[in-house]
């Protein structure tokens, strides 16, 4: 839905990058800095209170990468390793800012769509929509215009924390399921539920937007 292209094009293989980083190759570091910092900033912002704080998290992460590259063992991709450092750094700062809450303390129960929008039991078409959701414009008609992107960003900020983190990692950053589970310390089943609820919420916000635009 919100996916940004992963800036991997043109990057050498992990083993080549790691060797260059360990040798102090500034060009290799610049490649990673340019390719990954934008996504890292978006993810860090999900944990902390301000853009400035998120930028500091990213800076701390890159310093930790430089200092710890000799300890990288290759058991995960280099990007996963960097993102794990980022996530841990952002969590610590978020706790200090009283923004991060324990994953287990958030209630994600309840329906993802208002049940009153569906026909009730006993109706000949029980479970069907009372009224179909409005049609959305095609991408060529401006579905992801700057205005819509700004609206989605605002809606994203309104998600419960762990839903926001999952949808940022999966749909914005395009990270694979197993990596997201590892980074956030959740099960695959929990991730599916969180992602479904986050996407349903964002779809609902887009529907509201296009209803208002249509009227």
Protein backbone atom coordinates (compact mmCIF):
# COMPACT_ATOMS: atom_id res chain seq x y z
CA UNK A 1 0.00 0.00 0.00
CA UNK A 2 2.66 2.50 1.06
CA UNK A 3 5.70 0.70 -0.19
CA UNK A 4 8.80 2.69 -0.98
CA UNK A 5 11.38 1.02 -3.23
CA UNK A 6 14.22 -0.48 -1.25
CA UNK A 7 17.38 1.35 -2.20
CA UNK A 8 19.44 -1.74 -2.94
CA UNK A 9 20.13 -1.10 -6.63
CA UNK A 10 23.82 -0.75 -7.28
CA UNK A 11 24.96 -1.95 -3.86
CA UNK A 12 27.66 -4.64 -3.74
CA UNK A 13 27.01 -8.00 -2.08
CA UNK A 14 27.04 -8.06 1.72
CA UNK A 15 30.42 -9.77 1.99
CA UNK A 16 31.98 -7.14 -0.27
CA UNK A 17 30.34 -4.31 1.64
CA UNK A 18 31.41 -5.70 5.00
CA UNK A 19 35.01 -6.09 3.85
CA UNK A 20 35.05 -2.54 2.56
CA UNK A 21 33.51 -1.16 5.75
CA UNK A 22 36.04 -3.02 7.88
CA UNK A 23 38.85 -1.53 5.83
CA UNK A 24 37.50 1.96 6.47
CA UNK A 25 36.25 2.54 2.92
CA UNK A 26 34.33 5.83 3.16
CA UNK A 27 32.69 5.35 -0.25
CA UNK A 28 31.10 2.09 0.91
CA UNK A 29 29.77 3.79 4.02
CA UNK A 30 28.39 6.65 1.89
CA UNK A 31 26.54 4.13 -0.29
CA UNK A 32 24.75 2.69 2.75
CA UNK A 33 24.15 6.11 4.25
CA UNK A 34 22.49 7.37 1.08
CA UNK A 35 20.57 4.15 0.42
CA UNK A 36 19.23 3.31 3.86
CA UNK A 37 19.05 6.45 6.00
CA UNK A 38 15.63 7.54 4.69
CA UNK A 39 13.99 4.26 5.64
CA UNK A 40 15.81 4.17 8.95
CA UNK A 41 14.52 7.64 9.77
CA UNK A 42 10.92 6.61 9.02
CA UNK A 43 11.21 3.57 11.26
CA UNK A 44 12.92 5.46 14.09
CA UNK A 45 10.16 8.08 13.99
CA UNK A 46 7.67 5.33 14.85
CA UNK A 47 9.39 4.88 18.21
CA UNK A 48 10.24 8.42 19.28
CA UNK A 49 8.50 11.74 19.80
CA UNK A 50 10.08 14.10 17.28
CA UNK A 51 11.83 14.17 13.93
CA UNK A 52 14.94 15.52 15.65
CA UNK A 53 14.97 12.59 18.07
CA UNK A 54 14.56 10.15 15.17
CA UNK A 55 17.51 11.76 13.38
CA UNK A 56 19.63 11.32 16.51
CA UNK A 57 18.64 7.64 16.65
CA UNK A 58 19.80 7.18 13.06
CA UNK A 59 23.08 8.93 13.82
CA UNK A 60 23.64 6.75 16.89
CA UNK A 61 22.87 3.68 14.82
CA UNK A 62 25.44 4.53 12.15
CA UNK A 63 28.05 5.17 14.83
CA UNK A 64 27.25 1.77 16.35
CA UNK A 65 27.55 0.16 12.92
CA UNK A 66 30.99 1.67 12.36
CA UNK A 67 32.16 0.64 15.82
CA UNK A 68 30.63 -2.84 15.66
CA UNK A 69 31.20 -3.92 12.05
CA UNK A 70 34.06 -6.21 13.09
CA UNK A 71 31.55 -8.13 15.22
CA UNK A 72 29.10 -8.72 12.36
CA UNK A 73 28.91 -12.50 11.91
CA UNK A 74 26.74 -12.75 8.79
CA UNK A 75 23.96 -14.75 10.44
CA UNK A 76 21.47 -12.27 8.95
CA UNK A 77 21.71 -9.84 6.07
CA UNK A 78 23.73 -6.71 6.67
CA UNK A 79 20.60 -4.60 6.41
CA UNK A 80 18.77 -6.73 8.98
CA UNK A 81 21.74 -6.36 11.32
CA UNK A 82 21.73 -2.57 10.87
CA UNK A 83 17.97 -2.37 11.37
CA UNK A 84 18.23 -4.46 14.53
CA UNK A 85 20.69 -1.94 15.94
CA UNK A 86 18.34 0.87 14.89
CA UNK A 87 15.31 -0.78 16.49
CA UNK A 88 17.07 -1.39 19.79
CA UNK A 89 18.44 2.16 19.86
CA UNK A 90 15.03 3.64 19.04
CA UNK A 91 13.28 1.49 21.65
CA UNK A 92 15.63 2.67 24.38
CA UNK A 93 15.10 6.30 23.42
CA UNK A 94 11.35 5.79 23.12
CA UNK A 95 11.21 4.37 26.63
CA UNK A 96 13.11 7.40 27.94
CA UNK A 97 10.60 9.63 26.16
CA UNK A 98 7.70 7.56 27.55
CA UNK A 99 6.50 6.87 24.01
CA UNK A 100 7.21 3.14 23.71
CA UNK A 101 4.93 0.79 25.65
CA UNK A 102 5.32 -2.99 26.06
CA UNK A 103 4.02 -4.92 23.07
CA UNK A 104 1.86 -7.11 25.31
CA UNK A 105 0.04 -4.14 26.88
CA UNK A 106 -1.82 -3.02 23.77
CA UNK A 107 -5.31 -4.37 23.09
CA UNK A 108 -5.79 -5.31 19.44
CA UNK A 109 -9.10 -7.11 19.94
CA UNK A 110 -12.32 -6.11 18.25
CA UNK A 111 -13.47 -5.96 14.62
CA UNK A 112 -11.40 -4.22 11.96
CA UNK A 113 -14.49 -2.85 10.18
CA UNK A 114 -17.63 -1.49 11.88
CA UNK A 115 -20.08 -4.46 11.98
CA UNK A 116 -23.02 -2.10 11.35
CA UNK A 117 -21.79 -1.72 7.76
CA UNK A 118 -22.75 -5.35 7.03
CA UNK A 119 -26.17 -6.98 6.75
CA UNK A 120 -27.08 -8.86 9.97
CA UNK A 121 -27.82 -12.54 10.54
CA UNK A 122 -31.26 -13.46 9.19
CA UNK A 123 -30.96 -11.09 6.24
CA UNK A 124 -31.05 -12.89 2.85
CA UNK A 125 -27.58 -11.46 2.20
CA UNK A 126 -26.18 -11.71 5.73
CA UNK A 127 -22.58 -10.56 6.00
CA UNK A 128 -22.71 -8.52 2.79
CA UNK A 129 -22.18 -4.74 2.70
CA UNK A 130 -25.26 -2.56 3.20
CA UNK A 131 -23.57 -0.20 0.77
CA UNK A 132 -20.41 -0.90 -1.18
CA UNK A 133 -17.38 1.24 -0.32
CA UNK A 134 -16.72 4.00 -2.88
CA UNK A 135 -14.46 3.36 -5.83
CA UNK A 136 -10.98 4.83 -5.55
CA UNK A 137 -9.11 6.64 -8.34
CA UNK A 138 -6.56 4.70 -10.32
CA UNK A 139 -2.86 5.52 -9.77
CA UNK A 140 -3.00 7.51 -13.01
CA UNK A 141 -5.75 9.65 -11.47
CA UNK A 142 -3.55 10.57 -8.55
CA UNK A 143 -4.16 7.90 -5.89
CA UNK A 144 -0.75 8.58 -4.38
CA UNK A 145 -0.63 12.34 -4.92
CA UNK A 146 1.32 14.41 -2.42
CA UNK A 147 -1.94 15.35 -0.71
CA UNK A 148 -2.95 11.72 -0.30
CA UNK A 149 0.53 10.79 0.94
CA UNK A 150 0.29 13.52 3.57
CA UNK A 151 -3.16 12.25 4.59
CA UNK A 152 -1.84 8.69 4.86
CA UNK A 153 1.14 9.84 6.91
CA UNK A 154 -1.25 11.50 9.36
CA UNK A 155 -3.38 8.34 9.49
CA UNK A 156 -0.27 6.25 10.05
CA UNK A 157 0.66 8.39 13.04
CA UNK A 158 -2.77 7.65 14.51
CA UNK A 159 -2.29 3.88 14.58
CA UNK A 160 -1.56 2.04 17.83
CA UNK A 161 2.18 1.75 18.23
CA UNK A 162 2.74 -1.89 17.37
CA UNK A 163 0.37 -1.76 14.38
CA UNK A 164 2.25 1.28 13.13
CA UNK A 165 5.62 -0.43 13.52
CA UNK A 166 4.50 -3.53 11.64
CA UNK A 167 2.95 -1.62 8.74
CA UNK A 168 5.99 0.68 8.47
CA UNK A 169 8.35 -2.29 8.32
CA UNK A 170 6.20 -4.41 6.00
CA UNK A 171 4.47 -1.94 3.66
CA UNK A 172 6.70 1.13 3.79
CA UNK A 173 10.10 -0.51 4.08
CA UNK A 174 9.16 -3.81 2.40
CA UNK A 175 10.89 -5.95 5.03
CA UNK A 176 10.10 -9.72 4.99
CA UNK A 177 7.87 -11.35 7.60
CA UNK A 178 10.60 -13.25 9.40
CA UNK A 179 12.77 -10.16 9.74
CA UNK A 180 9.90 -8.09 11.17
CA UNK A 181 9.12 -10.81 13.71
CA UNK A 182 12.77 -10.87 14.75
CA UNK A 183 13.09 -7.08 14.98
CA UNK A 184 9.92 -6.61 17.04
CA UNK A 185 10.02 -9.85 19.02
CA UNK A 186 6.56 -11.03 17.91
CA UNK A 187 5.19 -14.25 16.45
CA UNK A 188 4.17 -14.67 12.82
CA UNK A 189 0.53 -14.96 13.92
CA UNK A 190 0.73 -11.71 15.88
CA UNK A 191 2.29 -9.99 12.91
CA UNK A 192 -0.50 -11.12 10.58
CA UNK A 193 -3.16 -9.76 12.96
CA UNK A 194 -1.35 -6.46 13.50
CA UNK A 195 -0.74 -5.96 9.80
CA UNK A 196 -4.35 -6.78 8.91
CA UNK A 197 -5.70 -4.31 11.46
CA UNK A 198 -3.29 -1.58 10.41
CA UNK A 199 -4.15 -2.01 6.73
CA UNK A 200 -7.89 -2.04 7.49
CA UNK A 201 -7.56 1.19 9.46
CA UNK A 202 -5.61 2.90 6.68
CA UNK A 203 -8.05 1.68 4.03
CA UNK A 204 -10.86 3.13 6.14
CA UNK A 205 -9.10 6.47 6.34
CA UNK A 206 -8.61 6.51 2.58
CA UNK A 207 -12.28 5.69 2.11
CA UNK A 208 -13.23 8.65 4.32
CA UNK A 209 -10.92 10.88 2.31
CA UNK A 210 -12.41 9.91 -1.05
CA UNK A 211 -15.97 10.19 0.29
CA UNK A 212 -15.21 13.76 1.35
CA UNK A 213 -13.53 14.48 -1.96
CA UNK A 214 -16.48 13.04 -3.87
CA UNK A 215 -18.96 15.18 -1.99
